[in-house]
Amino acid sequence: MKFSEQWLREWVSPEVSTEDLGHRLTMGGLEVDAIEPVAGEFSKIVVGEVIAVEQHPDADRLRVCKVNVGAPDLLQIVCGAPNVLIGMRVPAALVGAKLPGGMKIKKGKLRGVESFGMLCSAAELGIVEEAEGLLPLPLDAEPGMDVR
């Protein structure tokens, strides 16, 4: 049986590491085969709140978004996801972020418009194999908070 550590800690929250928790479960009579992360290895991925969305001037399938990532200034991020909406909270990969598979996020230009990060789908975070569109996060997720 698989279950999340977060769910387990809602019921019991011993002040121990994940590995110690697995050991304690095993010593209590439950066999723990493995402890696996839900998502792949990534860094510098934070909660982003989409503040504004405009059509890209030179690309029908791209949008230019203004995103609150908990910093004093909004970030401009060019996005191709069909489900991007004002007000949604999504994973935002900041410049310097590393995604599963070794991809590193850099400042760049997409069809002449600067982009300072990337808004992410569940597939880009290694949570699922395929995804169509951004991974929506709970509306009470705090902008700038690490998504882990």
N, C-alpha and C. Protein backbone atom coordinates (compact mmCIF):
# COMPACT_ATOMS: atom_id res chain seq x y z
N MET A 1 0.85 -1.17 0.00
CA MET A 1 0.00 0.00 0.00
C MET A 1 0.90 1.23 0.00
N LYS A 2 0.50 2.25 -0.77
CA LYS A 2 1.23 3.51 -0.80
C LYS A 2 0.39 4.60 -0.15
N PHE A 3 1.04 5.47 0.60
CA PHE A 3 0.37 6.65 1.15
C PHE A 3 1.42 7.74 1.31
N SER A 4 0.94 8.98 1.40
CA SER A 4 1.88 10.09 1.49
C SER A 4 2.29 10.35 2.93
N GLU A 5 3.51 10.78 3.06
CA GLU A 5 4.03 11.14 4.39
C GLU A 5 3.23 12.32 4.95
N GLN A 6 2.87 13.25 4.08
CA GLN A 6 2.08 14.41 4.52
C GLN A 6 0.76 13.95 5.14
N TRP A 7 0.09 13.00 4.50
CA TRP A 7 -1.16 12.47 5.05
C TRP A 7 -0.92 11.82 6.40
N LEU A 8 0.13 11.00 6.50
CA LEU A 8 0.44 10.32 7.75
C LEU A 8 0.70 11.32 8.87
N ARG A 9 1.42 12.38 8.55
CA ARG A 9 1.77 13.37 9.58
C ARG A 9 0.57 14.22 10.00
N GLU A 10 -0.52 14.17 9.24
CA GLU A 10 -1.77 14.81 9.70
C GLU A 10 -2.34 14.06 10.90
N TRP A 11 -2.08 12.76 10.96
CA TRP A 11 -2.61 11.92 12.03
C TRP A 11 -1.64 11.76 13.18
N VAL A 12 -0.38 11.69 12.87
CA VAL A 12 0.64 11.53 13.90
C VAL A 12 1.87 12.30 13.43
N SER A 13 2.41 13.13 14.27
CA SER A 13 3.51 13.98 13.83
C SER A 13 4.72 13.89 14.76
N PRO A 14 5.36 12.74 14.81
CA PRO A 14 6.57 12.68 15.63
C PRO A 14 7.66 13.57 15.01
N GLU A 15 8.44 14.19 15.86
CA GLU A 15 9.51 15.07 15.40
C GLU A 15 10.71 14.24 14.99
N VAL A 16 10.57 13.51 13.90
CA VAL A 16 11.65 12.67 13.39
C VAL A 16 11.76 12.87 11.89
N SER A 17 12.90 12.48 11.34
CA SER A 17 13.10 12.59 9.89
C SER A 17 12.23 11.56 9.17
N THR A 18 12.14 11.71 7.88
CA THR A 18 11.39 10.76 7.05
C THR A 18 11.94 9.35 7.21
N GLU A 19 13.26 9.24 7.18
CA GLU A 19 13.90 7.92 7.30
C GLU A 19 13.60 7.30 8.67
N ASP A 20 13.69 8.11 9.74
CA ASP A 20 13.39 7.60 11.08
C ASP A 20 11.92 7.18 11.19
N LEU A 21 11.05 7.92 10.56
CA LEU A 21 9.63 7.57 10.58
C LEU A 21 9.41 6.21 9.91
N GLY A 22 10.07 5.99 8.77
CA GLY A 22 9.98 4.69 8.10
C GLY A 22 10.50 3.57 8.97
N HIS A 23 11.60 3.81 9.66
CA HIS A 23 12.17 2.80 10.57
C HIS A 23 11.20 2.51 11.72
N ARG A 24 10.60 3.54 12.29
CA ARG A 24 9.65 3.35 13.39
C ARG A 24 8.43 2.56 12.94
N LEU A 25 7.96 2.83 11.73
CA LEU A 25 6.82 2.06 11.20
C LEU A 25 7.19 0.58 11.07
N THR A 26 8.39 0.33 10.55
CA THR A 26 8.85 -1.05 10.41
C THR A 26 8.97 -1.73 11.77
N MET A 27 9.53 -1.04 12.74
CA MET A 27 9.69 -1.60 14.08
C MET A 27 8.34 -1.80 14.77
N GLY A 28 7.33 -1.07 14.32
CA GLY A 28 5.98 -1.21 14.88
C GLY A 28 5.18 -2.32 14.21
N GLY A 29 5.79 -3.03 13.26
CA GLY A 29 5.11 -4.15 12.64
C GLY A 29 4.65 -3.91 11.21
N LEU A 30 4.84 -2.72 10.68
CA LEU A 30 4.50 -2.43 9.29
C LEU A 30 5.77 -2.49 8.47
N GLU A 31 5.75 -3.21 7.37
CA GLU A 31 6.94 -3.32 6.55
C GLU A 31 7.02 -2.15 5.58
N VAL A 32 8.07 -1.36 5.66
CA VAL A 32 8.29 -0.25 4.74
C VAL A 32 9.31 -0.72 3.70
N ASP A 33 8.83 -0.94 2.47
CA ASP A 33 9.72 -1.38 1.39
C ASP A 33 10.58 -0.24 0.87
N ALA A 34 9.96 0.93 0.70
CA ALA A 34 10.68 2.05 0.11
C ALA A 34 10.01 3.36 0.48
N ILE A 35 10.80 4.39 0.50
CA ILE A 35 10.30 5.75 0.66
C ILE A 35 10.69 6.48 -0.62
N GLU A 36 9.69 6.89 -1.38
CA GLU A 36 9.93 7.48 -2.70
C GLU A 36 9.34 8.88 -2.77
N PRO A 37 10.08 9.82 -3.35
CA PRO A 37 9.50 11.15 -3.54
C PRO A 37 8.39 11.10 -4.59
N VAL A 38 7.38 11.92 -4.42
CA VAL A 38 6.28 11.97 -5.38
C VAL A 38 6.76 12.56 -6.69
N ALA A 39 7.59 13.58 -6.60
CA ALA A 39 8.08 14.26 -7.79
C ALA A 39 9.56 13.97 -7.98
N GLY A 40 10.05 14.31 -9.17
CA GLY A 40 11.47 14.17 -9.44
C GLY A 40 12.29 15.20 -8.68
N GLU A 41 13.59 15.14 -8.87
CA GLU A 41 14.48 16.10 -8.21
C GLU A 41 14.37 17.45 -8.92
N PHE A 42 14.09 18.49 -8.15
CA PHE A 42 14.07 19.84 -8.70
C PHE A 42 14.40 20.84 -7.60
N SER A 43 14.79 22.05 -8.01
CA SER A 43 15.11 23.11 -7.05
C SER A 43 14.65 24.45 -7.60
N LYS A 44 14.49 25.41 -6.70
CA LYS A 44 14.07 26.78 -7.03
C LYS A 44 12.72 26.81 -7.74
N ILE A 45 11.78 25.98 -7.30
CA ILE A 45 10.41 26.00 -7.82
C ILE A 45 9.54 26.52 -6.68
N VAL A 46 8.87 27.64 -6.92
CA VAL A 46 8.07 28.28 -5.89
C VAL A 46 6.63 28.44 -6.36
N VAL A 47 5.75 28.77 -5.43
CA VAL A 47 4.37 29.08 -5.78
C VAL A 47 4.35 30.44 -6.48
N GLY A 48 3.73 30.47 -7.65
CA GLY A 48 3.55 31.72 -8.38
C GLY A 48 2.07 32.02 -8.54
N GLU A 49 1.71 33.27 -8.30
CA GLU A 49 0.32 33.71 -8.50
C GLU A 49 0.27 34.52 -9.79
N VAL A 50 -0.54 34.08 -10.74
CA VAL A 50 -0.66 34.78 -12.03
C VAL A 50 -1.50 36.04 -11.81
N ILE A 51 -0.87 37.19 -12.03
CA ILE A 51 -1.52 38.49 -11.80
C ILE A 51 -2.12 39.05 -13.08
N ALA A 52 -1.43 38.85 -14.21
CA ALA A 52 -1.91 39.37 -15.49
C ALA A 52 -1.53 38.41 -16.61
N VAL A 53 -2.36 38.34 -17.63
CA VAL A 53 -2.11 37.50 -18.80
C VAL A 53 -2.45 38.31 -20.04
N GLU A 54 -1.48 38.43 -20.96
CA GLU A 54 -1.71 39.12 -22.23
C GLU A 54 -1.28 38.21 -23.37
N GLN A 55 -1.89 38.39 -24.51
CA GLN A 55 -1.51 37.64 -25.70
C GLN A 55 -0.10 38.06 -26.12
N HIS A 56 0.73 37.11 -26.51
CA HIS A 56 2.06 37.41 -27.04
C HIS A 56 1.88 38.15 -28.36
N PRO A 57 2.65 39.21 -28.61
CA PRO A 57 2.45 39.99 -29.84
C PRO A 57 2.79 39.24 -31.13
N ASP A 58 3.65 38.21 -31.05
CA ASP A 58 4.09 37.53 -32.27
C ASP A 58 3.86 36.02 -32.25
N ALA A 59 3.01 35.53 -31.35
CA ALA A 59 2.78 34.08 -31.30
C ALA A 59 1.37 33.80 -30.78
N ASP A 60 0.58 33.13 -31.59
CA ASP A 60 -0.81 32.84 -31.22
C ASP A 60 -0.93 31.95 -29.99
N ARG A 61 0.01 31.04 -29.79
CA ARG A 61 -0.13 30.07 -28.70
C ARG A 61 0.65 30.44 -27.44
N LEU A 62 1.23 31.62 -27.41
CA LEU A 62 1.98 32.05 -26.23
C LEU A 62 1.26 33.19 -25.53
N ARG A 63 1.43 33.25 -24.20
CA ARG A 63 0.88 34.33 -23.39
C ARG A 63 2.03 34.94 -22.59
N VAL A 64 1.94 36.24 -22.36
CA VAL A 64 2.92 36.94 -21.53
C VAL A 64 2.25 37.17 -20.18
N CYS A 65 2.82 36.58 -19.14
CA CYS A 65 2.21 36.62 -17.80
C CYS A 65 3.05 37.46 -16.85
N LYS A 66 2.37 38.14 -15.95
CA LYS A 66 3.01 38.80 -14.82
C LYS A 66 2.70 37.93 -13.61
N VAL A 67 3.75 37.52 -12.89
CA VAL A 67 3.60 36.52 -11.84
C VAL A 67 4.21 37.01 -10.53
N ASN A 68 3.43 36.90 -9.45
CA ASN A 68 3.90 37.20 -8.11
C ASN A 68 4.56 35.94 -7.55
N VAL A 69 5.88 36.03 -7.30
CA VAL A 69 6.61 34.90 -6.73
C VAL A 69 7.12 35.23 -5.33
N GLY A 70 6.47 36.19 -4.68
CA GLY A 70 6.85 36.57 -3.32
C GLY A 70 7.98 37.57 -3.26
N ALA A 71 8.45 38.07 -4.39
CA ALA A 71 9.51 39.07 -4.45
C ALA A 71 8.87 40.46 -4.57
N PRO A 72 9.65 41.51 -4.33
CA PRO A 72 9.07 42.86 -4.44
C PRO A 72 8.48 43.17 -5.82
N ASP A 73 9.11 42.65 -6.89
CA ASP A 73 8.63 42.92 -8.25
C ASP A 73 8.00 41.67 -8.86
N LEU A 74 7.03 41.89 -9.74
CA LEU A 74 6.43 40.78 -10.48
C LEU A 74 7.41 40.29 -11.53
N LEU A 75 7.37 39.00 -11.82
CA LEU A 75 8.19 38.44 -12.90
C LEU A 75 7.38 38.36 -14.18
N GLN A 76 8.03 38.64 -15.30
CA GLN A 76 7.41 38.42 -16.60
C GLN A 76 7.83 37.03 -17.07
N ILE A 77 6.84 36.18 -17.33
CA ILE A 77 7.11 34.82 -17.78
C ILE A 77 6.23 34.53 -18.99
N VAL A 78 6.88 34.14 -20.09
CA VAL A 78 6.15 33.75 -21.30
C VAL A 78 5.74 32.29 -21.13
N CYS A 79 4.47 32.02 -21.44
CA CYS A 79 3.89 30.71 -21.15
C CYS A 79 3.06 30.23 -22.34
N GLY A 80 3.18 28.94 -22.65
CA GLY A 80 2.40 28.36 -23.74
C GLY A 80 1.26 27.48 -23.27
N ALA A 81 1.03 27.41 -21.97
CA ALA A 81 -0.02 26.53 -21.44
C ALA A 81 -1.40 27.08 -21.78
N PRO A 82 -2.31 26.22 -22.26
CA PRO A 82 -3.64 26.69 -22.64
C PRO A 82 -4.53 27.05 -21.45
N ASN A 83 -4.18 26.58 -20.25
CA ASN A 83 -5.07 26.80 -19.09
C ASN A 83 -4.63 27.93 -18.17
N VAL A 84 -3.66 28.76 -18.58
CA VAL A 84 -3.21 29.83 -17.70
C VAL A 84 -4.31 30.88 -17.55
N LEU A 85 -4.61 31.23 -16.28
CA LEU A 85 -5.67 32.18 -15.97
C LEU A 85 -5.21 33.14 -14.88
N ILE A 86 -5.72 34.36 -14.92
CA ILE A 86 -5.44 35.32 -13.86
C ILE A 86 -5.97 34.76 -12.55
N GLY A 87 -5.16 34.88 -11.51
CA GLY A 87 -5.57 34.45 -10.17
C GLY A 87 -5.13 33.05 -9.80
N MET A 88 -4.76 32.22 -10.78
CA MET A 88 -4.38 30.86 -10.43
C MET A 88 -3.00 30.83 -9.79
N ARG A 89 -2.78 29.84 -8.96
CA ARG A 89 -1.48 29.61 -8.32
C ARG A 89 -0.89 28.36 -8.98
N VAL A 90 0.36 28.50 -9.42
CA VAL A 90 1.03 27.43 -10.16
C VAL A 90 2.49 27.34 -9.74
N PRO A 91 3.14 26.20 -10.01
CA PRO A 91 4.57 26.12 -9.76
C PRO A 91 5.31 27.04 -10.74
N ALA A 92 6.21 27.86 -10.21
CA ALA A 92 7.01 28.77 -11.03
C ALA A 92 8.49 28.44 -10.84
N ALA A 93 9.14 28.07 -11.94
CA ALA A 93 10.57 27.78 -11.90
C ALA A 93 11.31 29.10 -12.11
N LEU A 94 12.10 29.49 -11.13
CA LEU A 94 12.84 30.74 -11.20
C LEU A 94 14.11 30.55 -12.02
N VAL A 95 14.71 31.66 -12.46
CA VAL A 95 15.99 31.59 -13.17
C VAL A 95 16.99 30.88 -12.26
N GLY A 96 17.66 29.87 -12.80
CA GLY A 96 18.59 29.06 -12.02
C GLY A 96 17.98 27.77 -11.51
N ALA A 97 16.68 27.60 -11.69
CA ALA A 97 16.00 26.38 -11.24
C ALA A 97 16.50 25.17 -12.03
N LYS A 98 16.49 24.02 -11.37
CA LYS A 98 16.81 22.75 -12.04
C LYS A 98 15.57 21.88 -11.99
N LEU A 99 15.21 21.33 -13.15
CA LEU A 99 14.04 20.47 -13.27
C LEU A 99 14.48 19.02 -13.43
N PRO A 100 13.57 18.06 -13.18
CA PRO A 100 13.92 16.66 -13.42
C PRO A 100 14.43 16.48 -14.85
N GLY A 101 15.41 15.63 -15.01
CA GLY A 101 15.99 15.42 -16.33
C GLY A 101 17.16 16.34 -16.62
N GLY A 102 17.49 17.22 -15.67
CA GLY A 102 18.66 18.08 -15.82
C GLY A 102 18.42 19.42 -16.48
N MET A 103 17.18 19.72 -16.86
CA MET A 103 16.91 21.01 -17.50
C MET A 103 17.13 22.14 -16.50
N LYS A 104 17.85 23.20 -16.94
CA LYS A 104 18.11 24.35 -16.09
C LYS A 104 17.42 25.57 -16.71
N ILE A 105 16.75 26.35 -15.86
CA ILE A 105 15.99 27.51 -16.33
C ILE A 105 16.90 28.73 -16.39
N LYS A 106 16.89 29.39 -17.56
CA LYS A 106 17.66 30.61 -17.75
C LYS A 106 16.73 31.71 -18.23
N LYS A 107 17.18 32.94 -18.05
CA LYS A 107 16.46 34.07 -18.64
C LYS A 107 16.57 33.91 -20.15
N GLY A 108 15.48 34.15 -20.86
CA GLY A 108 15.52 34.00 -22.30
C GLY A 108 14.49 34.86 -23.00
N LYS A 109 14.50 34.76 -24.32
CA LYS A 109 13.50 35.47 -25.13
C LYS A 109 12.74 34.43 -25.93
N LEU A 110 11.42 34.56 -25.92
CA LEU A 110 10.58 33.70 -26.73
C LEU A 110 9.87 34.59 -27.74
N ARG A 111 10.25 34.43 -28.99
CA ARG A 111 9.70 35.24 -30.09
C ARG A 111 9.83 36.73 -29.78
N GLY A 112 10.98 37.13 -29.22
CA GLY A 112 11.28 38.54 -28.98
C GLY A 112 10.84 39.11 -27.65
N VAL A 113 10.17 38.32 -26.81
CA VAL A 113 9.70 38.80 -25.51
C VAL A 113 10.50 38.10 -24.41
N GLU A 114 11.07 38.90 -23.49
CA GLU A 114 11.87 38.33 -22.41
C GLU A 114 11.01 37.53 -21.44
N SER A 115 11.60 36.43 -20.96
CA SER A 115 10.94 35.58 -19.97
C SER A 115 11.94 35.29 -18.86
N PHE A 116 11.48 35.45 -17.62
CA PHE A 116 12.34 35.31 -16.45
C PHE A 116 11.95 34.10 -15.60
N GLY A 117 11.69 32.99 -16.25
CA GLY A 117 11.32 31.77 -15.55
C GLY A 117 10.39 30.93 -16.40
N MET A 118 9.75 29.96 -15.75
CA MET A 118 8.83 29.07 -16.46
C MET A 118 7.72 28.64 -15.50
N LEU A 119 6.49 28.66 -15.99
CA LEU A 119 5.36 28.12 -15.23
C LEU A 119 5.27 26.64 -15.58
N CYS A 120 5.05 25.78 -14.59
CA CYS A 120 5.25 24.34 -14.76
C CYS A 120 3.98 23.50 -14.71
N SER A 121 4.00 22.44 -15.49
CA SER A 121 2.98 21.40 -15.44
C SER A 121 3.45 20.30 -14.48
N ALA A 122 2.57 19.37 -14.18
CA ALA A 122 2.93 18.23 -13.34
C ALA A 122 3.99 17.36 -14.03
N ALA A 123 3.94 17.27 -15.35
CA ALA A 123 4.92 16.47 -16.09
C ALA A 123 6.31 17.10 -16.00
N GLU A 124 6.38 18.42 -16.08
CA GLU A 124 7.68 19.09 -16.01
C GLU A 124 8.33 18.94 -14.63
N LEU A 125 7.52 18.68 -13.61
CA LEU A 125 8.05 18.45 -12.26
C LEU A 125 8.31 16.97 -11.99
N GLY A 126 8.00 16.11 -12.97
CA GLY A 126 8.24 14.68 -12.80
C GLY A 126 7.19 13.97 -11.97
N ILE A 127 6.02 14.57 -11.81
CA ILE A 127 4.95 13.96 -11.01
C ILE A 127 4.17 12.95 -11.83
N VAL A 128 3.92 13.26 -13.10
CA VAL A 128 3.21 12.38 -14.02
C VAL A 128 3.99 12.32 -15.33
N GLU A 129 3.64 11.37 -16.18
CA GLU A 129 4.31 11.23 -17.48
C GLU A 129 3.90 12.32 -18.46
N GLU A 130 2.59 12.59 -18.52
CA GLU A 130 2.07 13.59 -19.46
C GLU A 130 1.08 14.50 -18.76
N ALA A 131 1.05 15.75 -19.18
CA ALA A 131 0.10 16.71 -18.62
C ALA A 131 -0.22 17.75 -19.68
N GLU A 132 -1.46 18.17 -19.70
CA GLU A 132 -1.87 19.23 -20.61
C GLU A 132 -2.16 20.47 -19.80
N GLY A 133 -1.22 21.37 -19.76
CA GLY A 133 -1.42 22.61 -19.04
C GLY A 133 -0.71 22.64 -17.70
N LEU A 134 -0.82 23.79 -17.07
CA LEU A 134 -0.16 24.04 -15.79
C LEU A 134 -0.76 23.21 -14.67
N LEU A 135 0.04 22.97 -13.64
CA LEU A 135 -0.43 22.28 -12.45
C LEU A 135 -1.06 23.31 -11.52
N PRO A 136 -2.39 23.32 -11.36
CA PRO A 136 -3.00 24.29 -10.44
C PRO A 136 -2.69 23.91 -9.00
N LEU A 137 -2.34 24.91 -8.21
CA LEU A 137 -2.08 24.73 -6.79
C LEU A 137 -3.23 25.33 -6.00
N PRO A 138 -3.38 24.97 -4.73
CA PRO A 138 -4.47 25.54 -3.92
C PRO A 138 -4.38 27.07 -3.88
N LEU A 139 -5.53 27.72 -3.88
CA LEU A 139 -5.57 29.19 -3.89
C LEU A 139 -5.01 29.80 -2.61
N ASP A 140 -4.90 29.01 -1.55
CA ASP A 140 -4.32 29.55 -0.31
C ASP A 140 -2.81 29.34 -0.23
N ALA A 141 -2.21 28.77 -1.29
CA ALA A 141 -0.75 28.60 -1.32
C ALA A 141 -0.10 29.98 -1.39
N GLU A 142 0.88 30.21 -0.56
CA GLU A 142 1.52 31.53 -0.44
C GLU A 142 2.53 31.75 -1.56
N PRO A 143 2.38 32.83 -2.36
CA PRO A 143 3.36 33.10 -3.41
C PRO A 143 4.77 33.20 -2.83
N GLY A 144 5.71 32.55 -3.51
CA GLY A 144 7.10 32.55 -3.08
C GLY A 144 7.49 31.35 -2.24
N MET A 145 6.48 30.61 -1.75
CA MET A 145 6.74 29.44 -0.92
C MET A 145 7.27 28.30 -1.80
N ASP A 146 8.25 27.55 -1.30
CA ASP A 146 8.78 26.41 -2.03
C ASP A 146 7.65 25.40 -2.24
N VAL A 147 7.52 24.87 -3.45
CA VAL A 147 6.40 23.95 -3.72
C VAL A 147 6.54 22.61 -3.03
N ARG A 148 7.72 22.26 -2.60
CA ARG A 148 7.89 21.00 -1.86
C ARG A 148 7.21 21.15 -0.53
